[in-house]
């Protein structure tokens, strides 16, 4: 992991100024090592937002078997949430736990897909972009909903896409990843172009609308949520008994 980019204890105005500064450091052209491992990451919160949970799934990439990717490692890391919910500054709230999860991996991936935005953000620094700078790794934002930008209607067939624009800038793509299902919002994070981001998302699509890395990370996070809720319910039932 590269040297720390910045401190986390920032006032909102300081964080906004830092976002603008960091966005200038992003590389939106391809600088990707040969891919043997891909990671998917999802972030959630527990304890009424007081605890941040990062779920990371590491997958072995083999073009011969894709999109059936082999799970190498699964990490769920929790730590106290450092910043309250502030729209536009979610990466400052979420990335500390994400970094903790990646530190626990036995092998670092060459490519990361994040459940969230890349540069499709008002200040071009969504969580995938911010994480890419911290790790100095190629990252792709794969979001289920639009945060920022405008777009035309996208075709109904799998693989159809249209640009996501903010003014004259193209900040991502609206991708129909499955026939007649709501599209995904794909945007590059760091060290990767939009075109290559779309290619990798398409390569990793299985039977659902989500690419396998983020689908499995989301499932891992949800499974842990269910286990925790079941434990709480069992404890409450025992108390009643």
C-alpha atoms as a PDB file:
ATOM      1  CA  UNK A   1       0.000   0.000   0.000  1.00  0.00           C
ATOM      2  CA  UNK A   2       1.353   3.406  -0.966  1.00  0.00           C
ATOM      3  CA  UNK A   3       2.100   6.279   1.398  1.00  0.00           C
ATOM      4  CA  UNK A   4      -0.975   7.831   3.042  1.00  0.00           C
ATOM      5  CA  UNK A   5      -2.612  10.481   0.874  1.00  0.00           C
ATOM      6  CA  UNK A   6      -4.076  12.579   3.660  1.00  0.00           C
ATOM      7  CA  UNK A   7      -5.511  12.688   7.165  1.00  0.00           C
ATOM      8  CA  UNK A   8      -9.121  11.647   7.773  1.00  0.00           C
ATOM      9  CA  UNK A   9      -9.994  14.144  10.493  1.00  0.00           C
ATOM     10  CA  UNK A  10     -11.172  16.897   8.146  1.00  0.00           C
ATOM     11  CA  UNK A  11     -13.920  19.494   8.273  1.00  0.00           C
ATOM     12  CA  UNK A  12     -16.385  19.297   5.346  1.00  0.00           C
ATOM     13  CA  UNK A  13     -14.911  22.373   3.636  1.00  0.00           C
ATOM     14  CA  UNK A  14     -11.425  20.882   3.910  1.00  0.00           C
ATOM     15  CA  UNK A  15     -12.642  17.563   2.505  1.00  0.00           C
ATOM     16  CA  UNK A  16     -14.303  19.282  -0.472  1.00  0.00           C
ATOM     17  CA  UNK A  17     -11.127  21.230  -1.253  1.00  0.00           C
ATOM     18  CA  UNK A  18      -9.119  18.017  -0.985  1.00  0.00           C
ATOM     19  CA  UNK A  19     -11.478  16.201  -3.363  1.00  0.00           C
ATOM     20  CA  UNK A  20     -10.834  18.819  -6.028  1.00  0.00           C
ATOM     21  CA  UNK A  21      -7.090  18.499  -5.496  1.00  0.00           C
ATOM     22  CA  UNK A  22      -7.072  14.692  -5.561  1.00  0.00           C
ATOM     23  CA  UNK A  23      -9.245  14.545  -8.678  1.00  0.00           C
ATOM     24  CA  UNK A  24      -6.409  16.200 -10.578  1.00  0.00           C
ATOM     25  CA  UNK A  25      -4.187  13.223  -9.738  1.00  0.00           C
ATOM     26  CA  UNK A  26      -6.449  10.613 -11.342  1.00  0.00           C
ATOM     27  CA  UNK A  27      -5.223   8.716 -14.390  1.00  0.00           C
ATOM     28  CA  UNK A  28      -8.062   8.005 -16.808  1.00  0.00           C
ATOM     29  CA  UNK A  29      -5.951   6.076 -19.298  1.00  0.00           C
ATOM     30  CA  UNK A  30      -4.991   2.420 -18.991  1.00  0.00           C
ATOM     31  CA  UNK A  31      -2.106   1.546 -16.705  1.00  0.00           C
ATOM     32  CA  UNK A  32      -2.995  -2.006 -15.775  1.00  0.00           C
ATOM     33  CA  UNK A  33      -0.676  -4.890 -15.001  1.00  0.00           C
ATOM     34  CA  UNK A  34      -1.596  -8.318 -16.428  1.00  0.00           C
ATOM     35  CA  UNK A  35      -4.709  -9.288 -14.495  1.00  0.00           C
ATOM     36  CA  UNK A  36      -4.597 -12.496 -12.476  1.00  0.00           C
ATOM     37  CA  UNK A  37      -6.833 -11.368  -9.596  1.00  0.00           C
ATOM     38  CA  UNK A  38      -9.860  -9.077  -9.429  1.00  0.00           C
ATOM     39  CA  UNK A  39     -11.428  -7.782  -6.214  1.00  0.00           C
ATOM     40  CA  UNK A  40     -14.994  -6.693  -5.610  1.00  0.00           C
ATOM     41  CA  UNK A  41     -15.801  -4.342  -2.735  1.00  0.00           C
ATOM     42  CA  UNK A  42     -18.984  -3.270  -0.991  1.00  0.00           C
ATOM     43  CA  UNK A  43     -19.420  -0.942   1.986  1.00  0.00           C
ATOM     44  CA  UNK A  44     -22.168  -1.010   4.602  1.00  0.00           C
ATOM     45  CA  UNK A  45     -22.904   0.306   8.069  1.00  0.00           C
ATOM     46  CA  UNK A  46     -23.978  -1.213  11.355  1.00  0.00           C
ATOM     47  CA  UNK A  47     -24.934   0.019  14.829  1.00  0.00           C
ATOM     48  CA  UNK A  48     -26.975   2.910  13.433  1.00  0.00           C
ATOM     49  CA  UNK A  49     -24.024   4.059  11.343  1.00  0.00           C
ATOM     50  CA  UNK A  50     -21.454   3.984  14.140  1.00  0.00           C
ATOM     51  CA  UNK A  51     -19.602   1.039  12.566  1.00  0.00           C
ATOM     52  CA  UNK A  52     -18.403   0.861   8.963  1.00  0.00           C
ATOM     53  CA  UNK A  53     -18.227  -2.583   7.359  1.00  0.00           C
ATOM     54  CA  UNK A  54     -16.106  -3.276   4.285  1.00  0.00           C
ATOM     55  CA  UNK A  55     -16.591  -6.536   2.387  1.00  0.00           C
ATOM     56  CA  UNK A  56     -13.925  -7.542  -0.142  1.00  0.00           C
ATOM     57  CA  UNK A  57     -13.973 -10.668  -2.303  1.00  0.00           C
ATOM     58  CA  UNK A  58     -10.779 -11.634  -4.128  1.00  0.00           C
ATOM     59  CA  UNK A  59     -11.268 -13.648  -7.321  1.00  0.00           C
ATOM     60  CA  UNK A  60      -8.849 -15.437  -9.611  1.00  0.00           C
ATOM     61  CA  UNK A  61      -9.194 -14.205 -13.182  1.00  0.00           C
ATOM     62  CA  UNK A  62      -8.957 -16.827 -15.906  1.00  0.00           C
ATOM     63  CA  UNK A  63     -10.274 -15.801 -19.348  1.00  0.00           C
ATOM     64  CA  UNK A  64     -10.910 -19.465 -20.142  1.00  0.00           C
ATOM     65  CA  UNK A  65     -13.492 -19.823 -17.376  1.00  0.00           C
ATOM     66  CA  UNK A  66     -14.872 -16.271 -17.085  1.00  0.00           C
ATOM     67  CA  UNK A  67     -17.316 -15.195 -15.831  1.00  0.00           C
ATOM     68  CA  UNK A  68     -17.086 -18.233 -13.537  1.00  0.00           C
ATOM     69  CA  UNK A  69     -14.364 -16.815 -11.320  1.00  0.00           C
ATOM     70  CA  UNK A  70     -12.772 -18.728  -8.446  1.00  0.00           C
ATOM     71  CA  UNK A  71     -13.070 -17.148  -5.004  1.00  0.00           C
ATOM     72  CA  UNK A  72      -9.604 -16.948  -3.453  1.00  0.00           C
ATOM     73  CA  UNK A  73     -10.341 -14.961  -0.315  1.00  0.00           C
ATOM     74  CA  UNK A  74     -13.175 -13.157   1.464  1.00  0.00           C
ATOM     75  CA  UNK A  75     -12.641 -10.382   3.985  1.00  0.00           C
ATOM     76  CA  UNK A  76     -15.112  -8.476   6.150  1.00  0.00           C
ATOM     77  CA  UNK A  77     -13.490  -5.678   8.137  1.00  0.00           C
ATOM     78  CA  UNK A  78     -15.228  -3.429  10.640  1.00  0.00           C
ATOM     79  CA  UNK A  79     -14.093  -0.274  12.364  1.00  0.00           C
ATOM     80  CA  UNK A  80     -15.669   2.824  13.959  1.00  0.00           C
ATOM     81  CA  UNK A  81     -17.129   5.283  11.465  1.00  0.00           C
ATOM     82  CA  UNK A  82     -15.006   8.436  11.315  1.00  0.00           C
ATOM     83  CA  UNK A  83     -17.281  10.924   9.568  1.00  0.00           C
ATOM     84  CA  UNK A  84     -21.035  11.534   9.687  1.00  0.00           C
ATOM     85  CA  UNK A  85     -23.142  11.139   6.571  1.00  0.00           C
ATOM     86  CA  UNK A  86     -22.527  14.151   4.314  1.00  0.00           C
ATOM     87  CA  UNK A  87     -23.727  13.946   0.689  1.00  0.00           C
ATOM     88  CA  UNK A  88     -20.822  14.104  -1.719  1.00  0.00           C
ATOM     89  CA  UNK A  89     -18.269  13.117   0.929  1.00  0.00           C
ATOM     90  CA  UNK A  90     -19.142   9.452   1.367  1.00  0.00           C
ATOM     91  CA  UNK A  91     -15.671   8.213   0.435  1.00  0.00           C
ATOM     92  CA  UNK A  92     -14.224   9.929   3.519  1.00  0.00           C
ATOM     93  CA  UNK A  93     -16.746   7.964   5.586  1.00  0.00           C
ATOM     94  CA  UNK A  94     -16.213   4.627   3.825  1.00  0.00           C
ATOM     95  CA  UNK A  95     -12.604   4.273   2.691  1.00  0.00           C
ATOM     96  CA  UNK A  96     -10.884   3.849   6.082  1.00  0.00           C
ATOM     97  CA  UNK A  97     -12.649   0.510   6.561  1.00  0.00           C
ATOM     98  CA  UNK A  98     -11.990  -0.423   2.929  1.00  0.00           C
ATOM     99  CA  UNK A  99      -8.268   0.121   3.423  1.00  0.00           C
ATOM    100  CA  UNK A 100      -8.404  -2.081   6.516  1.00  0.00           C
ATOM    101  CA  UNK A 101      -9.999  -4.866   4.475  1.00  0.00           C
ATOM    102  CA  UNK A 102      -7.418  -4.671   1.690  1.00  0.00           C
ATOM    103  CA  UNK A 103      -4.593  -4.779   4.229  1.00  0.00           C
ATOM    104  CA  UNK A 104      -5.868  -8.223   5.291  1.00  0.00           C
ATOM    105  CA  UNK A 105      -5.671  -9.740   1.806  1.00  0.00           C
ATOM    106  CA  UNK A 106      -2.882 -12.242   1.248  1.00  0.00           C
ATOM    107  CA  UNK A 107      -2.684 -11.233  -2.438  1.00  0.00           C
ATOM    108  CA  UNK A 108      -3.411  -7.806  -3.876  1.00  0.00           C
ATOM    109  CA  UNK A 109      -5.530  -7.671  -7.037  1.00  0.00           C
ATOM    110  CA  UNK A 110      -4.520  -5.961 -10.265  1.00  0.00           C
ATOM    111  CA  UNK A 111      -8.060  -4.608 -10.717  1.00  0.00           C
ATOM    112  CA  UNK A 112     -10.824  -3.586  -8.304  1.00  0.00           C
ATOM    113  CA  UNK A 113     -14.547  -3.166  -8.934  1.00  0.00           C
ATOM    114  CA  UNK A 114     -16.328  -1.051  -6.353  1.00  0.00           C
ATOM    115  CA  UNK A 115     -20.043  -0.873  -5.610  1.00  0.00           C
ATOM    116  CA  UNK A 116     -20.229   2.901  -6.072  1.00  0.00           C
ATOM    117  CA  UNK A 117     -19.071   5.748  -8.248  1.00  0.00           C
ATOM    118  CA  UNK A 118     -15.728   6.407  -9.909  1.00  0.00           C
ATOM    119  CA  UNK A 119     -15.475   9.865 -11.477  1.00  0.00           C
ATOM    120  CA  UNK A 120     -19.267  10.078 -11.911  1.00  0.00           C
ATOM    121  CA  UNK A 121     -19.336  12.486  -8.978  1.00  0.00           C
ATOM    122  CA  UNK A 122     -19.821  16.265  -8.691  1.00  0.00           C
ATOM    123  CA  UNK A 123     -16.114  16.733  -7.949  1.00  0.00           C
ATOM    124  CA  UNK A 124     -14.970  13.652  -9.927  1.00  0.00           C
ATOM    125  CA  UNK A 125     -13.928  11.741  -6.806  1.00  0.00           C
ATOM    126  CA  UNK A 126     -16.332   8.973  -5.925  1.00  0.00           C
ATOM    127  CA  UNK A 127     -15.282   6.081  -3.716  1.00  0.00           C
ATOM    128  CA  UNK A 128     -13.746   4.026  -6.548  1.00  0.00           C
ATOM    129  CA  UNK A 129     -11.589   6.957  -7.679  1.00  0.00           C
ATOM    130  CA  UNK A 130     -10.562   7.863  -4.134  1.00  0.00           C
ATOM    131  CA  UNK A 131      -9.732   4.233  -3.294  1.00  0.00           C
ATOM    132  CA  UNK A 132      -7.691   3.875  -6.482  1.00  0.00           C
ATOM    133  CA  UNK A 133      -5.474   6.780  -5.453  1.00  0.00           C
ATOM    134  CA  UNK A 134      -4.948   5.329  -1.973  1.00  0.00           C
ATOM    135  CA  UNK A 135      -4.007   1.874  -3.292  1.00  0.00           C
ATOM    136  CA  UNK A 136      -2.442   3.034  -6.577  1.00  0.00           C
ATOM    137  CA  UNK A 137      -4.441   0.350  -8.379  1.00  0.00           C
ATOM    138  CA  UNK A 138      -6.889   0.393 -11.304  1.00  0.00           C
ATOM    139  CA  UNK A 139     -10.435   0.805 -10.023  1.00  0.00           C
ATOM    140  CA  UNK A 140     -13.885   0.829 -11.619  1.00  0.00           C
ATOM    141  CA  UNK A 141     -17.060   2.240 -10.114  1.00  0.00           C
ATOM    142  CA  UNK A 142     -20.122   0.052 -10.720  1.00  0.00           C
ATOM    143  CA  UNK A 143     -23.197   1.752  -9.287  1.00  0.00           C
ATOM    144  CA  UNK A 144     -26.827   0.670  -9.292  1.00  0.00           C
ATOM    145  CA  UNK A 145     -28.114   4.246  -9.449  1.00  0.00           C
ATOM    146  CA  UNK A 146     -27.092   7.619 -10.842  1.00  0.00           C
ATOM    147  CA  UNK A 147     -25.448  10.120  -8.546  1.00  0.00           C
ATOM    148  CA  UNK A 148     -24.552  12.814 -11.058  1.00  0.00           C
ATOM    149  CA  UNK A 149     -24.726  13.591 -14.761  1.00  0.00           C
ATOM    150  CA  UNK A 150     -27.261  13.267 -17.558  1.00  0.00           C
ATOM    151  CA  UNK A 151     -27.770  10.663 -20.267  1.00  0.00           C
ATOM    152  CA  UNK A 152     -29.959   9.649 -23.176  1.00  0.00           C
ATOM    153  CA  UNK A 153     -32.135   6.572 -23.163  1.00  0.00           C
ATOM    154  CA  UNK A 154     -30.142   3.358 -23.321  1.00  0.00           C
ATOM    155  CA  UNK A 155     -31.138   0.433 -25.530  1.00  0.00           C
ATOM    156  CA  UNK A 156     -32.909  -2.580 -24.032  1.00  0.00           C
ATOM    157  CA  UNK A 157     -30.372  -5.235 -25.047  1.00  0.00           C
ATOM    158  CA  UNK A 158     -27.461  -6.557 -23.012  1.00  0.00           C
ATOM    159  CA  UNK A 159     -24.324  -4.554 -23.813  1.00  0.00           C
ATOM    160  CA  UNK A 160     -26.148  -1.415 -24.961  1.00  0.00           C
ATOM    161  CA  UNK A 161     -24.771   1.746 -23.402  1.00  0.00           C
ATOM    162  CA  UNK A 162     -24.836   5.528 -23.670  1.00  0.00           C
ATOM    163  CA  UNK A 163     -22.432   8.142 -22.277  1.00  0.00           C
ATOM    164  CA  UNK A 164     -23.081   9.703 -18.895  1.00  0.00           C
ATOM    165  CA  UNK A 165     -22.231  13.389 -19.234  1.00  0.00           C
ATOM    166  CA  UNK A 166     -21.687  16.412 -17.028  1.00  0.00           C
ATOM    167  CA  UNK A 167     -21.618  19.457 -19.274  1.00  0.00           C
ATOM    168  CA  UNK A 168     -19.118  18.695 -22.029  1.00  0.00           C
ATOM    169  CA  UNK A 169     -17.387  15.970 -20.013  1.00  0.00           C
ATOM    170  CA  UNK A 170     -18.103  12.262 -20.324  1.00  0.00           C
ATOM    171  CA  UNK A 171     -17.900  10.936 -16.783  1.00  0.00           C
ATOM    172  CA  UNK A 172     -19.153   7.396 -17.249  1.00  0.00           C
ATOM    173  CA  UNK A 173     -21.556   5.132 -19.086  1.00  0.00           C
ATOM    174  CA  UNK A 174     -25.084   3.882 -18.554  1.00  0.00           C
ATOM    175  CA  UNK A 175     -24.841   0.165 -19.342  1.00  0.00           C
ATOM    176  CA  UNK A 176     -27.635  -2.313 -19.950  1.00  0.00           C
ATOM    177  CA  UNK A 177     -25.997  -5.335 -18.383  1.00  0.00           C
ATOM    178  CA  UNK A 178     -29.014  -7.599 -18.788  1.00  0.00           C
ATOM    179  CA  UNK A 179     -31.887  -7.490 -21.263  1.00  0.00           C
ATOM    180  CA  UNK A 180     -34.717  -5.190 -20.180  1.00  0.00           C
ATOM    181  CA  UNK A 181     -33.332  -4.767 -16.642  1.00  0.00           C
ATOM    182  CA  UNK A 182     -32.448  -1.426 -15.066  1.00  0.00           C
ATOM    183  CA  UNK A 183     -28.990  -0.312 -16.214  1.00  0.00           C
ATOM    184  CA  UNK A 184     -25.748   0.062 -14.289  1.00  0.00           C
ATOM    185  CA  UNK A 185     -23.746   3.272 -14.008  1.00  0.00           C
ATOM    186  CA  UNK A 186     -20.131   2.492 -14.804  1.00  0.00           C
ATOM    187  CA  UNK A 187     -17.335   5.016 -14.390  1.00  0.00           C
ATOM    188  CA  UNK A 188     -13.555   4.756 -14.302  1.00  0.00           C
ATOM    189  CA  UNK A 189     -11.870   5.331 -10.971  1.00  0.00           C
ATOM    190  CA  UNK A 190      -8.110   5.422 -11.443  1.00  0.00           C
ATOM    191  CA  UNK A 191      -5.551   4.016 -13.924  1.00  0.00           C
ATOM    192  CA  UNK A 192      -8.214   2.873 -16.387  1.00  0.00           C
ATOM    193  CA  UNK A 193     -10.235   4.342 -19.248  1.00  0.00           C
ATOM    194  CA  UNK A 194     -14.008   4.304 -19.626  1.00  0.00           C
ATOM    195  CA  UNK A 195     -13.789   1.982 -22.621  1.00  0.00           C
ATOM    196  CA  UNK A 196     -11.662  -0.544 -20.740  1.00  0.00           C
ATOM    197  CA  UNK A 197     -13.889  -0.229 -17.671  1.00  0.00           C
ATOM    198  CA  UNK A 198     -16.873  -1.253 -19.788  1.00  0.00           C
ATOM    199  CA  UNK A 199     -14.946  -4.156 -21.299  1.00  0.00           C
ATOM    200  CA  UNK A 200     -14.044  -5.529 -17.875  1.00  0.00           C
ATOM    201  CA  UNK A 201     -17.569  -5.153 -16.523  1.00  0.00           C
ATOM    202  CA  UNK A 202     -18.934  -7.035 -19.536  1.00  0.00           C
ATOM    203  CA  UNK A 203     -16.304  -9.774 -19.180  1.00  0.00           C
ATOM    204  CA  UNK A 204     -17.322 -10.323 -15.562  1.00  0.00           C
ATOM    205  CA  UNK A 205     -21.079 -10.473 -16.106  1.00  0.00           C
ATOM    206  CA  UNK A 206     -22.729 -13.733 -15.149  1.00  0.00           C
ATOM    207  CA  UNK A 207     -26.426 -14.472 -14.902  1.00  0.00           C
ATOM    208  CA  UNK A 208     -27.389 -11.314 -13.011  1.00  0.00           C
ATOM    209  CA  UNK A 209     -27.127  -7.617 -13.846  1.00  0.00           C
ATOM    210  CA  UNK A 210     -24.076  -7.172 -11.618  1.00  0.00           C
ATOM    211  CA  UNK A 211     -20.529  -8.178 -12.529  1.00  0.00           C
ATOM    212  CA  UNK A 212     -19.393 -11.103 -10.399  1.00  0.00           C
ATOM    213  CA  UNK A 213     -16.863  -9.158  -8.260  1.00  0.00           C
ATOM    214  CA  UNK A 214     -19.413  -6.654  -6.916  1.00  0.00           C
ATOM    215  CA  UNK A 215     -22.228  -9.224  -6.819  1.00  0.00           C
ATOM    216  CA  UNK A 216     -20.188 -11.513  -4.596  1.00  0.00           C
ATOM    217  CA  UNK A 217     -19.019  -8.628  -2.388  1.00  0.00           C
ATOM    218  CA  UNK A 218     -22.621  -7.526  -1.953  1.00  0.00           C
ATOM    219  CA  UNK A 219     -23.664 -11.098  -1.124  1.00  0.00           C
ATOM    220  CA  UNK A 220     -20.846 -11.454   1.409  1.00  0.00           C
ATOM    221  CA  UNK A 221     -21.850  -8.236   3.131  1.00  0.00           C
ATOM    222  CA  UNK A 222     -25.530  -9.227   3.131  1.00  0.00           C
ATOM    223  CA  UNK A 223     -24.768 -12.692   4.532  1.00  0.00           C
ATOM    224  CA  UNK A 224     -22.838 -11.182   7.418  1.00  0.00           C
ATOM    225  CA  UNK A 225     -25.753  -8.821   8.068  1.00  0.00           C
ATOM    226  CA  UNK A 226     -28.154 -11.752   8.201  1.00  0.00           C
ATOM    227  CA  UNK A 227     -25.909 -13.696  10.582  1.00  0.00           C
ATOM    228  CA  UNK A 228     -25.580 -10.725  12.906  1.00  0.00           C
ATOM    229  CA  UNK A 229     -29.346 -10.125  12.893  1.00  0.00           C
ATOM    230  CA  UNK A 230     -29.967 -13.804  13.604  1.00  0.00           C
ATOM    231  CA  UNK A 231     -27.553 -13.682  16.538  1.00  0.00           C
ATOM    232  CA  UNK A 232     -29.280 -10.600  17.943  1.00  0.00           C
ATOM    233  CA  UNK A 233     -32.686 -12.242  17.548  1.00  0.00           C
ATOM    234  CA  UNK A 234     -31.476 -15.432  19.240  1.00  0.00           C
ATOM    235  CA  UNK A 235     -30.091 -13.388  22.135  1.00  0.00           C
ATOM    236  CA  UNK A 236     -33.387 -11.513  22.504  1.00  0.00           C
ATOM    237  CA  UNK A 237     -35.358 -14.766  22.413  1.00  0.00           C
ATOM    238  CA  UNK A 238     -33.090 -16.269  25.061  1.00  0.00           C
ATOM    239  CA  UNK A 239     -33.631 -13.236  27.276  1.00  0.00           C
ATOM    240  CA  UNK A 240     -37.400 -13.567  26.923  1.00  0.00           C
ATOM    241  CA  UNK A 241     -37.260 -17.275  27.734  1.00  0.00           C
END
